[in-house]
Amino acid sequence: MKFFVDTADINDIRELAETGLLDGVTTNPSLIHKSGRDFMEVTREICSIVSGPVSAEVVATDHKEMMREAEILRKIADNIAIKVPLTVDGLKTCKALRGEGTMVNVTLCFTPSQALLAAKAGASFISPFVGRLDDIGSEGMSIISDIRLIYDNYDFATEILVASVRHPVHILEAAKIGADVMTAPPAVIRQLFKHPLTDRGLEAFIADWQKTGQKIG
């Protein structure tokens, strides 16, 4: 499963990229606003750090204006994926952009039926929001299972990008189901490294080594 990070914070992206585990980045208008930086500037910098897909979202809601914004965004770098909402105009834009060879991430997906539409429109990625479904009392991960089944039934090439990830269990469940990608905030990705037994074991190894009085090299 590919690991994307959901942020526009350059320091977090650079640090995670240095681990060799980062395959891409997703952003949205809210994350760009939180960064406090110019949209084009921060997106260009992200693309220079990460070689994988970097999702940059249009803010228009009609097809014509989405296409105009997409034309500007995809000139930023070759690894830009245009992010569009799962609406009629969004899917029209997806179809048009994919016809021109541009990667497209269709976002704000909440049902398997919507995911089916995105795949038929040729989306590179579909982003189901599991955390937001959990928030309203639904079982967010069930949508991932349903989409995986539908896509496998018809050999759709669209990659399932699990979004709105709130905790490490979401990531684990997504991997068990067979999602292609997950995107999570930096803090959630860092939680994957943590376990109290790992910490205790390392402390014990260091303590025992110090007692030997030896050095490596």
Protein backbone atom coordinates (compact mmCIF):
# COMPACT_ATOMS: atom_id res chain seq x y z
CA MET A 1 0.00 0.00 0.00
CA LYS A 2 1.29 3.44 -0.91
CA PHE A 3 1.69 6.04 1.82
CA PHE A 4 0.65 9.63 1.09
CA VAL A 5 0.75 12.37 3.71
CA ASP A 6 -2.18 14.76 4.03
CA THR A 7 -0.60 18.12 4.77
CA ALA A 8 0.88 21.28 3.29
CA ASP A 9 3.53 21.61 6.01
CA ILE A 10 6.89 21.52 4.24
CA ASN A 11 8.85 20.47 7.32
CA ASP A 12 6.61 17.45 7.93
CA ILE A 13 6.75 16.45 4.27
CA ARG A 14 10.53 16.73 4.12
CA GLU A 15 10.99 14.73 7.34
CA LEU A 16 8.69 11.92 6.21
CA ALA A 17 10.22 11.87 2.73
CA GLU A 18 13.64 11.27 4.32
CA THR A 19 12.35 7.98 5.78
CA GLY A 20 11.89 6.63 2.26
CA LEU A 21 8.32 5.63 3.11
CA LEU A 22 6.49 8.54 1.48
CA ASP A 23 4.93 7.91 -1.94
CA GLY A 24 2.96 11.12 -2.42
CA VAL A 25 1.15 14.09 -0.88
CA THR A 26 -2.45 15.25 -0.75
CA THR A 27 -3.46 18.84 -0.08
CA ASN A 28 -6.71 20.78 -0.04
CA PRO A 29 -7.70 24.44 0.42
CA SER A 30 -8.04 23.98 4.19
CA LEU A 31 -4.51 22.57 4.53
CA ILE A 32 -3.06 25.32 2.34
CA HIS A 33 -4.81 27.93 4.50
CA LYS A 34 -3.40 26.30 7.63
CA SER A 35 0.13 26.53 6.20
CA GLY A 36 -0.22 30.30 5.90
CA ARG A 37 1.66 30.31 2.60
CA ASP A 38 0.94 31.16 -1.03
CA PHE A 39 -0.89 28.27 -2.72
CA MET A 40 1.23 28.08 -5.86
CA GLU A 41 4.49 28.56 -3.98
CA VAL A 42 3.90 25.83 -1.40
CA THR A 43 2.57 23.39 -4.00
CA ARG A 44 5.65 23.92 -6.18
CA GLU A 45 7.93 23.30 -3.20
CA ILE A 46 6.08 20.10 -2.26
CA CYS A 47 6.51 18.81 -5.82
CA SER A 48 10.24 19.42 -5.58
CA ILE A 49 10.50 17.26 -2.45
CA VAL A 50 8.25 14.35 -3.46
CA SER A 51 8.58 12.56 -6.79
CA GLY A 52 5.20 10.80 -6.45
CA PRO A 53 1.74 12.30 -7.04
CA VAL A 54 0.93 15.60 -5.35
CA SER A 55 -2.78 16.37 -5.29
CA ALA A 56 -3.68 20.03 -5.85
CA GLU A 57 -7.38 20.84 -5.61
CA VAL A 58 -9.43 23.11 -7.84
CA VAL A 59 -11.76 25.47 -6.00
CA ALA A 60 -14.21 26.11 -8.85
CA THR A 61 -17.52 24.26 -8.93
CA ASP A 62 -18.38 24.45 -12.66
CA HIS A 63 -16.67 22.44 -15.38
CA LYS A 64 -15.37 25.31 -17.48
CA GLU A 65 -13.73 27.05 -14.54
CA MET A 66 -12.36 23.76 -13.17
CA MET A 67 -10.63 23.19 -16.50
CA ARG A 68 -9.17 26.70 -16.42
CA GLU A 69 -7.79 26.19 -12.92
CA ALA A 70 -6.51 22.71 -13.77
CA GLU A 71 -4.58 24.14 -16.72
CA ILE A 72 -2.73 26.43 -14.31
CA LEU A 73 -2.16 23.79 -11.64
CA ARG A 74 -0.79 21.06 -13.90
CA LYS A 75 1.91 23.41 -15.16
CA ILE A 76 3.42 23.50 -11.66
CA ALA A 77 5.13 20.11 -12.07
CA ASP A 78 4.79 16.81 -13.90
CA ASN A 79 3.74 14.99 -10.72
CA ILE A 80 0.65 17.12 -10.05
CA ALA A 81 -2.65 15.24 -9.72
CA ILE A 82 -5.63 17.52 -10.14
CA LYS A 83 -8.11 17.05 -7.32
CA VAL A 84 -11.79 17.49 -8.21
CA PRO A 85 -14.99 16.95 -6.20
CA LEU A 86 -17.33 14.07 -6.88
CA THR A 87 -19.99 16.11 -8.65
CA VAL A 88 -21.32 16.04 -12.22
CA ASP A 89 -19.00 18.90 -13.17
CA GLY A 90 -16.13 17.30 -11.28
CA LEU A 91 -16.50 14.03 -13.18
CA LYS A 92 -16.81 15.86 -16.51
CA THR A 93 -13.54 17.57 -15.65
CA CYS A 94 -12.00 14.26 -14.63
CA LYS A 95 -12.93 12.68 -17.96
CA ALA A 96 -11.52 15.60 -19.93
CA LEU A 97 -8.26 15.78 -17.98
CA ARG A 98 -7.67 12.04 -18.12
CA GLY A 99 -8.15 12.24 -21.89
CA GLU A 100 -5.22 14.66 -21.92
CA GLY A 101 -3.06 12.38 -19.78
CA THR A 102 -3.34 14.32 -16.52
CA MET A 103 -3.63 12.46 -13.19
CA VAL A 104 -6.92 13.13 -11.40
CA ASN A 105 -7.87 12.51 -7.77
CA VAL A 106 -11.65 12.51 -7.28
CA THR A 107 -12.38 13.54 -3.71
CA LEU A 108 -15.30 13.72 -1.26
CA CYS A 109 -16.50 10.19 -1.99
CA PHE A 110 -18.96 8.72 0.52
CA THR A 111 -20.66 5.81 -1.30
CA PRO A 112 -19.53 2.85 -3.42
CA SER A 113 -21.88 4.09 -6.16
CA GLN A 114 -20.00 7.38 -6.32
CA ALA A 115 -16.73 5.45 -6.55
CA LEU A 116 -18.13 3.46 -9.47
CA LEU A 117 -18.92 6.70 -11.30
CA ALA A 118 -15.41 8.03 -10.70
CA ALA A 119 -13.85 4.85 -12.07
CA LYS A 120 -16.01 5.05 -15.19
CA ALA A 121 -14.85 8.65 -15.63
CA GLY A 122 -11.28 7.35 -15.62
CA ALA A 123 -10.12 8.74 -12.26
CA SER A 124 -6.52 7.97 -11.32
CA PHE A 125 -7.51 7.97 -7.64
CA ILE A 126 -10.79 7.84 -5.73
CA SER A 127 -10.72 9.30 -2.21
CA PRO A 128 -13.37 7.82 0.12
CA PHE A 129 -13.52 9.71 3.44
CA VAL A 130 -13.65 6.97 6.08
CA GLY A 131 -13.24 9.23 9.12
CA ARG A 132 -16.10 11.51 8.16
CA LEU A 133 -18.36 8.49 7.67
CA ASP A 134 -17.38 7.26 11.15
CA ASP A 135 -18.30 10.71 12.48
CA ILE A 136 -21.94 10.31 11.41
CA GLY A 137 -22.28 6.80 12.81
CA SER A 138 -21.50 4.80 9.66
CA GLU A 139 -18.77 2.17 9.45
CA GLY A 140 -16.27 4.07 7.34
CA MET A 141 -14.09 1.11 6.41
CA SER A 142 -17.02 -0.81 4.91
CA ILE A 143 -17.00 1.53 1.92
CA ILE A 144 -13.40 0.50 1.21
CA SER A 145 -14.38 -3.18 1.12
CA ASP A 146 -17.29 -2.45 -1.22
CA ILE A 147 -15.20 -0.32 -3.58
CA ARG A 148 -12.44 -2.95 -3.66
CA LEU A 149 -15.00 -5.60 -4.65
CA ILE A 150 -16.56 -3.43 -7.38
CA TYR A 151 -13.23 -2.38 -8.86
CA ASP A 152 -11.93 -5.96 -8.88
CA ASN A 153 -15.13 -7.15 -10.56
CA TYR A 154 -14.45 -4.94 -13.56
CA ASP A 155 -10.66 -4.51 -13.44
CA PHE A 156 -10.91 -0.75 -13.01
CA ALA A 157 -7.48 0.88 -12.93
CA THR A 158 -8.60 3.61 -10.51
CA GLU A 159 -6.60 3.39 -7.27
CA ILE A 160 -8.48 3.43 -3.95
CA LEU A 161 -6.97 6.24 -1.86
CA VAL A 162 -8.28 5.95 1.71
CA ALA A 163 -8.74 9.49 3.04
CA SER A 164 -9.92 11.17 6.24
CA VAL A 165 -7.74 8.73 8.16
CA ARG A 166 -7.99 9.43 11.89
CA HIS A 167 -5.84 6.74 13.55
CA PRO A 168 -3.46 3.84 12.82
CA VAL A 169 -6.28 1.28 12.88
CA HIS A 170 -7.74 2.90 9.77
CA ILE A 171 -4.41 2.33 8.03
CA LEU A 172 -4.17 -1.28 9.15
CA GLU A 173 -7.73 -2.08 8.08
CA ALA A 174 -7.18 -0.38 4.71
CA ALA A 175 -4.10 -2.52 4.13
CA LYS A 176 -5.96 -5.72 5.08
CA ILE A 177 -8.77 -4.89 2.66
CA GLY A 178 -6.31 -4.20 -0.13
CA ALA A 179 -6.59 -0.44 -0.63
CA ASP A 180 -3.99 0.91 -3.04
CA VAL A 181 -3.13 4.09 -1.15
CA MET A 182 -3.84 5.78 2.15
CA THR A 183 -3.32 9.42 3.05
CA ALA A 184 -3.03 10.51 6.66
CA PRO A 185 -1.87 13.51 8.71
CA PRO A 186 1.81 13.40 9.75
CA ALA A 187 0.92 12.69 13.38
CA VAL A 188 -1.05 9.56 12.46
CA ILE A 189 1.78 8.21 10.29
CA ARG A 190 4.25 8.77 13.13
CA GLN A 191 2.02 6.76 15.47
CA LEU A 192 2.71 3.70 13.32
CA PHE A 193 6.32 3.67 14.57
CA LYS A 194 5.32 3.68 18.22
CA HIS A 195 4.89 0.75 20.60
CA PRO A 196 5.75 0.64 24.32
CA LEU A 197 7.48 -2.75 23.95
CA THR A 198 9.72 -1.33 21.23
CA ASP A 199 10.67 1.55 23.53
CA ARG A 200 11.31 -0.74 26.49
CA GLY A 201 13.30 -3.18 24.43
CA LEU A 202 15.52 -0.44 23.04
CA GLU A 203 16.11 0.99 26.51
CA ALA A 204 17.14 -2.48 27.76
CA PHE A 205 19.50 -3.06 24.83
CA ILE A 206 21.19 0.32 25.36
CA ALA A 207 21.52 -0.25 29.11
CA ASP A 208 23.07 -3.70 28.61
CA TRP A 209 25.46 -2.38 25.97
CA GLN A 210 26.65 0.41 28.24
CA LYS A 211 27.45 -2.17 30.93
CA THR A 212 29.89 -3.90 28.55
CA GLY A 213 32.00 -0.74 28.37
CA GLN A 214 32.54 -1.36 24.66
CA LYS A 215 32.24 0.85 21.58
CA ILE A 216 31.56 0.08 17.93
CA GLY A 217 34.50 1.26 15.89
